[in-house]
Structure formats: structure tokens, C-alpha cells
PDB file of N, CA and C in Angstrom:
ATOM      1  N   ARG A   1      81.239 130.552 102.617  1.00  0.00           N
ATOM      2  CA  ARG A   1      80.803 131.835 103.133  1.00  0.00           C
ATOM      3  C   ARG A   1      79.306 131.853 103.408  1.00  0.00           C
ATOM      4  N   THR A   2      78.595 131.001 102.748  1.00  0.00           N
ATOM      5  CA  THR A   2      77.147 130.997 102.887  1.00  0.00           C
ATOM      6  C   THR A   2      76.687 130.231 104.117  1.00  0.00           C
ATOM      7  N   TYR A   3      77.450 129.241 104.512  1.00  0.00           N
ATOM      8  CA  TYR A   3      77.047 128.363 105.597  1.00  0.00           C
ATOM      9  C   TYR A   3      77.609 128.818 106.942  1.00  0.00           C
ATOM     10  N   ASN A   4      76.858 128.518 107.985  1.00  0.00           N
ATOM     11  CA  ASN A   4      77.375 128.672 109.343  1.00  0.00           C
ATOM     12  C   ASN A   4      78.359 127.547 109.597  1.00  0.00           C
ATOM     13  N   ASP A   5      79.060 127.623 110.707  1.00  0.00           N
ATOM     14  CA  ASP A   5      80.052 126.593 111.030  1.00  0.00           C
ATOM     15  C   ASP A   5      79.425 125.216 111.251  1.00  0.00           C
ATOM     16  N   ASP A   6      78.137 125.159 111.525  1.00  0.00           N
ATOM     17  CA  ASP A   6      77.493 123.872 111.796  1.00  0.00           C
ATOM     18  C   ASP A   6      76.904 123.224 110.534  1.00  0.00           C
ATOM     19  N   LEU A   7      77.117 123.828 109.365  1.00  0.00           N
ATOM     20  CA  LEU A   7      76.635 123.283 108.100  1.00  0.00           C
ATOM     21  C   LEU A   7      77.790 123.105 107.125  1.00  0.00           C
ATOM     22  N   GLN A   8      77.575 122.259 106.133  1.00  0.00           N
ATOM     23  CA  GLN A   8      78.571 122.093 105.083  1.00  0.00           C
ATOM     24  C   GLN A   8      77.888 121.719 103.782  1.00  0.00           C
ATOM     25  N   ALA A   9      78.563 121.949 102.697  1.00  0.00           N
ATOM     26  CA  ALA A   9      78.041 121.595 101.377  1.00  0.00           C
ATOM     27  C   ALA A   9      78.566 120.228 100.985  1.00  0.00           C
ATOM     28  N   GLU A  10      77.778 119.539 100.185  1.00  0.00           N
ATOM     29  CA  GLU A  10      78.208 118.267  99.621  1.00  0.00           C
ATOM     30  C   GLU A  10      78.235 118.425  98.116  1.00  0.00           C
ATOM     31  N   VAL A  11      79.405 118.243  97.518  1.00  0.00           N
ATOM     32  CA  VAL A  11      79.567 118.376  96.071  1.00  0.00           C
ATOM     33  C   VAL A  11      79.770 116.985  95.498  1.00  0.00           C
ATOM     34  N   ASN A  12      78.920 116.624  94.573  1.00  0.00           N
ATOM     35  CA  ASN A  12      79.004 115.313  93.931  1.00  0.00           C
ATOM     36  C   ASN A  12      79.741 115.442  92.607  1.00  0.00           C
ATOM     37  N   LEU A  13      81.005 115.037  92.613  1.00  0.00           N
ATOM     38  CA  LEU A  13      81.776 115.066  91.376  1.00  0.00           C
ATOM     39  C   LEU A  13      81.096 114.156  90.368  1.00  0.00           C
ATOM     40  N   GLY A  14      81.011 114.615  89.160  1.00  0.00           N
ATOM     41  CA  GLY A  14      80.328 113.860  88.127  1.00  0.00           C
ATOM     42  C   GLY A  14      78.895 114.334  87.916  1.00  0.00           C
ATOM     43  N   ALA A  15      78.427 115.265  88.750  1.00  0.00           N
ATOM     44  CA  ALA A  15      77.068 115.790  88.605  1.00  0.00           C
ATOM     45  C   ALA A  15      76.987 116.821  87.480  1.00  0.00           C
ATOM     46  N   TRP A  16      78.125 117.261  86.988  1.00  0.00           N
ATOM     47  CA  TRP A  16      78.164 118.210  85.873  1.00  0.00           C
ATOM     48  C   TRP A  16      79.320 117.806  84.960  1.00  0.00           C
ATOM     49  N   PRO A  17      79.214 118.110  83.677  1.00  0.00           N
ATOM     50  CA  PRO A  17      80.314 117.770  82.768  1.00  0.00           C
ATOM     51  C   PRO A  17      81.466 118.775  82.923  1.00  0.00           C
ATOM     52  N   VAL A  18      82.646 118.257  83.067  1.00  0.00           N
ATOM     53  CA  VAL A  18      83.832 119.114  83.164  1.00  0.00           C
ATOM     54  C   VAL A  18      84.276 119.454  81.753  1.00  0.00           C
ATOM     55  N   GLN A  19      84.399 120.738  81.458  1.00  0.00           N
ATOM     56  CA  GLN A  19      84.805 121.171  80.118  1.00  0.00           C
ATOM     57  C   GLN A  19      86.243 120.746  79.841  1.00  0.00           C
ATOM     58  N   ALA A  20      86.498 120.481  78.582  1.00  0.00           N
ATOM     59  CA  ALA A  20      87.805 119.967  78.164  1.00  0.00           C
ATOM     60  C   ALA A  20      88.958 120.884  78.568  1.00  0.00           C
ATOM     61  N   ILE A  21      88.738 122.184  78.613  1.00  0.00           N
ATOM     62  CA  ILE A  21      89.823 123.112  78.966  1.00  0.00           C
ATOM     63  C   ILE A  21      90.381 122.828  80.354  1.00  0.00           C
ATOM     64  N   PHE A  22      89.524 122.411  81.270  1.00  0.00           N
ATOM     65  CA  PHE A  22      89.992 122.156  82.633  1.00  0.00           C
ATOM     66  C   PHE A  22      90.818 120.877  82.707  1.00  0.00           C
ATOM     67  N   ARG A  23      90.447 119.865  81.942  1.00  0.00           N
ATOM     68  CA  ARG A  23      91.263 118.641  81.888  1.00  0.00           C
ATOM     69  C   ARG A  23      92.591 118.932  81.182  1.00  0.00           C
ATOM     70  N   TYR A  24      92.545 119.781  80.163  1.00  0.00           N
ATOM     71  CA  TYR A  24      93.770 120.176  79.459  1.00  0.00           C
ATOM     72  C   TYR A  24      94.736 120.868  80.430  1.00  0.00           C
ATOM     73  N   LEU A  25      94.227 121.823  81.188  1.00  0.00           N
ATOM     74  CA  LEU A  25      95.073 122.533  82.155  1.00  0.00           C
ATOM     75  C   LEU A  25      95.607 121.594  83.224  1.00  0.00           C
ATOM     76  N   GLN A  26      94.769 120.673  83.645  1.00  0.00           N
ATOM     77  CA  GLN A  26      95.198 119.699  84.649  1.00  0.00           C
ATOM     78  C   GLN A  26      96.336 118.845  84.114  1.00  0.00           C
ATOM     79  N   ASN A  27      96.180 118.367  82.886  1.00  0.00           N
ATOM     80  CA  ASN A  27      97.219 117.523  82.285  1.00  0.00           C
ATOM     81  C   ASN A  27      98.494 118.304  82.004  1.00  0.00           C
ATOM     82  N   LYS A  28      98.365 119.483  81.396  1.00  0.00           N
ATOM     83  CA  LYS A  28      99.543 120.288  81.054  1.00  0.00           C
ATOM     84  C   LYS A  28     100.314 120.721  82.303  1.00  0.00           C
ATOM     85  N   GLY A  29      99.572 121.064  83.338  1.00  0.00           N
ATOM     86  CA  GLY A  29     100.213 121.517  84.573  1.00  0.00           C
ATOM     87  C   GLY A  29     100.542 120.403  85.535  1.00  0.00           C
ATOM     88  N   GLN A  30     100.222 119.168  85.133  1.00  0.00           N
ATOM     89  CA  GLN A  30     100.425 118.000  85.995  1.00  0.00           C
ATOM     90  C   GLN A  30      99.859 118.281  87.395  1.00  0.00           C
ATOM     91  N   LEU A  31      98.612 118.722  87.409  1.00  0.00           N
ATOM     92  CA  LEU A  31      97.946 119.115  88.651  1.00  0.00           C
ATOM     93  C   LEU A  31      97.052 118.006  89.171  1.00  0.00           C
ATOM     94  N   LYS A  32      96.955 117.924  90.470  1.00  0.00           N
ATOM     95  CA  LYS A  32      96.021 116.993  91.100  1.00  0.00           C
ATOM     96  C   LYS A  32      94.610 117.542  90.928  1.00  0.00           C
ATOM     97  N   GLU A  33      93.645 116.631  90.869  1.00  0.00           N
ATOM     98  CA  GLU A  33      92.257 117.053  90.677  1.00  0.00           C
ATOM     99  C   GLU A  33      91.809 117.997  91.791  1.00  0.00           C
ATOM    100  N   GLN A  34      92.196 117.720  93.033  1.00  0.00           N
ATOM    101  CA  GLN A  34      91.795 118.587  94.146  1.00  0.00           C
ATOM    102  C   GLN A  34      92.337 120.003  93.968  1.00  0.00           C
ATOM    103  N   ASP A  35      93.555 120.135  93.453  1.00  0.00           N
ATOM    104  CA  ASP A  35      94.112 121.467  93.190  1.00  0.00           C
ATOM    105  C   ASP A  35      93.294 122.194  92.120  1.00  0.00           C
ATOM    106  N   CYS A  36      92.860 121.464  91.097  1.00  0.00           N
ATOM    107  CA  CYS A  36      92.036 122.069  90.047  1.00  0.00           C
ATOM    108  C   CYS A  36      90.667 122.470  90.577  1.00  0.00           C
ATOM    109  N   LEU A  37      90.096 121.636  91.427  1.00  0.00           N
ATOM    110  CA  LEU A  37      88.810 121.982  92.032  1.00  0.00           C
ATOM    111  C   LEU A  37      88.937 123.249  92.869  1.00  0.00           C
ATOM    112  N   ASN A  38      89.996 123.353  93.635  1.00  0.00           N
ATOM    113  CA  ASN A  38      90.202 124.527  94.482  1.00  0.00           C
ATOM    114  C   ASN A  38      90.476 125.787  93.670  1.00  0.00           C
ATOM    115  N   THR A  39      91.192 125.646  92.557  1.00  0.00           N
ATOM    116  CA  THR A  39      91.604 126.808  91.766  1.00  0.00           C
ATOM    117  C   THR A  39      90.573 127.198  90.713  1.00  0.00           C
ATOM    118  N   PHE A  40      90.091 126.223  89.961  1.00  0.00           N
ATOM    119  CA  PHE A  40      89.229 126.505  88.810  1.00  0.00           C
ATOM    120  C   PHE A  40      87.757 126.195  89.056  1.00  0.00           C
ATOM    121  N   ASN A  41      87.445 125.547  90.173  1.00  0.00           N
ATOM    122  CA  ASN A  41      86.082 125.068  90.451  1.00  0.00           C
ATOM    123  C   ASN A  41      85.597 124.102  89.376  1.00  0.00           C
ATOM    124  N   MET A  42      86.489 123.690  88.491  1.00  0.00           N
ATOM    125  CA  MET A  42      86.203 122.740  87.416  1.00  0.00           C
ATOM    126  C   MET A  42      84.943 123.103  86.630  1.00  0.00           C
ATOM    127  N   GLY A  43      84.759 124.398  86.419  1.00  0.00           N
ATOM    128  CA  GLY A  43      83.687 124.849  85.550  1.00  0.00           C
ATOM    129  C   GLY A  43      82.440 125.349  86.254  1.00  0.00           C
ATOM    130  N   ILE A  44      82.381 125.220  87.552  1.00  0.00           N
ATOM    131  CA  ILE A  44      81.209 125.716  88.279  1.00  0.00           C
ATOM    132  C   ILE A  44      81.380 127.215  88.458  1.00  0.00           C
ATOM    133  N   GLY A  45      80.529 127.978  87.791  1.00  0.00           N
ATOM    134  CA  GLY A  45      80.648 129.432  87.838  1.00  0.00           C
ATOM    135  C   GLY A  45      79.719 130.086  88.828  1.00  0.00           C
ATOM    136  N   LEU A  46      78.589 129.452  89.096  1.00  0.00           N
ATOM    137  CA  LEU A  46      77.590 130.028  89.986  1.00  0.00           C
ATOM    138  C   LEU A  46      76.859 128.897  90.678  1.00  0.00           C
ATOM    139  N   VAL A  47      76.640 129.068  91.968  1.00  0.00           N
ATOM    140  CA  VAL A  47      75.908 128.076  92.745  1.00  0.00           C
ATOM    141  C   VAL A  47      74.701 128.757  93.365  1.00  0.00           C
ATOM    142  N   LEU A  48      73.543 128.133  93.198  1.00  0.00           N
ATOM    143  CA  LEU A  48      72.325 128.626  93.831  1.00  0.00           C
ATOM    144  C   LEU A  48      71.987 127.715  95.001  1.00  0.00           C
ATOM    145  N   LEU A  49      71.768 128.299  96.148  1.00  0.00           N
ATOM    146  CA  LEU A  49      71.315 127.548  97.317  1.00  0.00           C
ATOM    147  C   LEU A  49      69.818 127.774  97.424  1.00  0.00           C
ATOM    148  N   VAL A  50      69.059 126.700  97.238  1.00  0.00           N
ATOM    149  CA  VAL A  50      67.611 126.825  97.142  1.00  0.00           C
ATOM    150  C   VAL A  50      66.962 125.880  98.150  1.00  0.00           C
ATOM    151  N   PRO A  51      66.003 126.367  98.930  1.00  0.00           N
ATOM    152  CA  PRO A  51      65.274 125.460  99.814  1.00  0.00           C
ATOM    153  C   PRO A  51      64.579 124.371  99.000  1.00  0.00           C
ATOM    154  N   LYS A  52      64.515 123.169  99.545  1.00  0.00           N
ATOM    155  CA  LYS A  52      63.915 122.044  98.823  1.00  0.00           C
ATOM    156  C   LYS A  52      62.526 122.386  98.294  1.00  0.00           C
ATOM    157  N   ALA A  53      61.773 123.140  99.050  1.00  0.00           N
ATOM    158  CA  ALA A  53      60.402 123.485  98.646  1.00  0.00           C
ATOM    159  C   ALA A  53      60.369 124.345  97.388  1.00  0.00           C
ATOM    160  N   ASN A  54      61.475 124.983  97.031  1.00  0.00           N
ATOM    161  CA  ASN A  54      61.510 125.893  95.887  1.00  0.00           C
ATOM    162  C   ASN A  54      62.279 125.343  94.682  1.00  0.00           C
ATOM    163  N   VAL A  55      62.830 124.157  94.791  1.00  0.00           N
ATOM    164  CA  VAL A  55      63.698 123.627  93.737  1.00  0.00           C
ATOM    165  C   VAL A  55      62.966 123.535  92.399  1.00  0.00           C
ATOM    166  N   LEU A  56      61.783 122.959  92.369  1.00  0.00           N
ATOM    167  CA  LEU A  56      61.064 122.813  91.100  1.00  0.00           C
ATOM    168  C   LEU A  56      60.751 124.159  90.465  1.00  0.00           C
ATOM    169  N   GLN A  57      60.383 125.122  91.273  1.00  0.00           N
ATOM    170  CA  GLN A  57      60.080 126.465  90.762  1.00  0.00           C
ATOM    171  C   GLN A  57      61.328 127.106  90.158  1.00  0.00           C
ATOM    172  N   VAL A  58      62.443 126.992  90.833  1.00  0.00           N
ATOM    173  CA  VAL A  58      63.696 127.575  90.335  1.00  0.00           C
ATOM    174  C   VAL A  58      64.124 126.876  89.049  1.00  0.00           C
ATOM    175  N   LYS A  59      64.021 125.557  89.012  1.00  0.00           N
ATOM    176  CA  LYS A  59      64.384 124.821  87.804  1.00  0.00           C
ATOM    177  C   LYS A  59      63.514 125.256  86.619  1.00  0.00           C
ATOM    178  N   GLU A  60      62.242 125.450  86.864  1.00  0.00           N
ATOM    179  CA  GLU A  60      61.339 125.895  85.800  1.00  0.00           C
ATOM    180  C   GLU A  60      61.723 127.291  85.303  1.00  0.00           C
ATOM    181  N   GLN A  61      62.066 128.174  86.210  1.00  0.00           N
ATOM    182  CA  GLN A  61      62.490 129.526  85.821  1.00  0.00           C
ATOM    183  C   GLN A  61      63.772 129.479  85.000  1.00  0.00           C
ATOM    184  N   LEU A  62      64.703 128.626  85.383  1.00  0.00           N
ATOM    185  CA  LEU A  62      65.942 128.488  84.625  1.00  0.00           C
ATOM    186  C   LEU A  62      65.657 127.950  83.222  1.00  0.00           C
ATOM    187  N   LYS A  63      64.775 126.967  83.131  1.00  0.00           N
ATOM    188  CA  LYS A  63      64.397 126.420  81.820  1.00  0.00           C
ATOM    189  C   LYS A  63      63.779 127.497  80.938  1.00  0.00           C
ATOM    190  N   GLN A  64      62.903 128.318  81.508  1.00  0.00           N
ATOM    191  CA  GLN A  64      62.255 129.385  80.743  1.00  0.00           C
ATOM    192  C   GLN A  64      63.267 130.371  80.181  1.00  0.00           C
ATOM    193  N   LYS A  65      64.359 130.559  80.876  1.00  0.00           N
ATOM    194  CA  LYS A  65      65.409 131.488  80.440  1.00  0.00           C
ATOM    195  C   LYS A  65      66.498 130.784  79.631  1.00  0.00           C
ATOM    196  N   ASN A  66      66.278 129.516  79.321  1.00  0.00           N
ATOM    197  CA  ASN A  66      67.260 128.703  78.582  1.00  0.00           C
ATOM    198  C   ASN A  66      68.616 128.664  79.275  1.00  0.00           C
ATOM    199  N   GLU A  67      68.589 128.642  80.597  1.00  0.00           N
ATOM    200  CA  GLU A  67      69.815 128.551  81.384  1.00  0.00           C
ATOM    201  C   GLU A  67      70.106 127.085  81.675  1.00  0.00           C
ATOM    202  N   GLN A  68      71.321 126.679  81.430  1.00  0.00           N
ATOM    203  CA  GLN A  68      71.725 125.303  81.725  1.00  0.00           C
ATOM    204  C   GLN A  68      72.023 125.207  83.204  1.00  0.00           C
ATOM    205  N   TYR A  69      71.610 124.104  83.807  1.00  0.00           N
ATOM    206  CA  TYR A  69      71.859 123.924  85.241  1.00  0.00           C
ATOM    207  C   TYR A  69      72.085 122.450  85.529  1.00  0.00           C
ATOM    208  N   TYR A  70      72.691 122.207  86.661  1.00  0.00           N
ATOM    209  CA  TYR A  70      72.933 120.854  87.153  1.00  0.00           C
ATOM    210  C   TYR A  70      72.567 120.842  88.618  1.00  0.00           C
ATOM    211  N   GLU A  71      71.947 119.767  89.041  1.00  0.00           N
ATOM    212  CA  GLU A  71      71.524 119.668  90.430  1.00  0.00           C
ATOM    213  C   GLU A  71      72.472 118.768  91.199  1.00  0.00           C
TER     214      GLU A  71
END
């Protein structure tokens, strides 16, 4: 929803730790990883889109608030 049709996001699996509950649900439901990504986002609750020039500033603000983040 954030991007125009000429842009896309790149998600690097492994850039964040997947909580055990999501692997449990995947195993119990015999679900494919792509289905879990589509349904549960595998633990990603909020995404910030930040211009490269502002990344360090945003990371510092998150650290000050003791917010965990993954890039």
C-alpha cells in the first residue's frame, strides 16, 4: 500500500528472529512458509520506511526508547 506500482519492497528472510510460536503454528498446521509469511508476517508487527539519509537518526531514536528493531 505504501509503494507505487513502479516500486517494490525487498524482505530478507533471516534478518529478524522468528518467534517460536510461529514455527509451532507452521508445524502444527502443516503450513508452507510462504503461507505463514502471508498470514502471520512471521512476527513483523510494524515496518518503518525511512529515507537512507534518516536511518541513523531513526535507529538512535529507537535505541533511546529501548525499542527493538531489525534492519
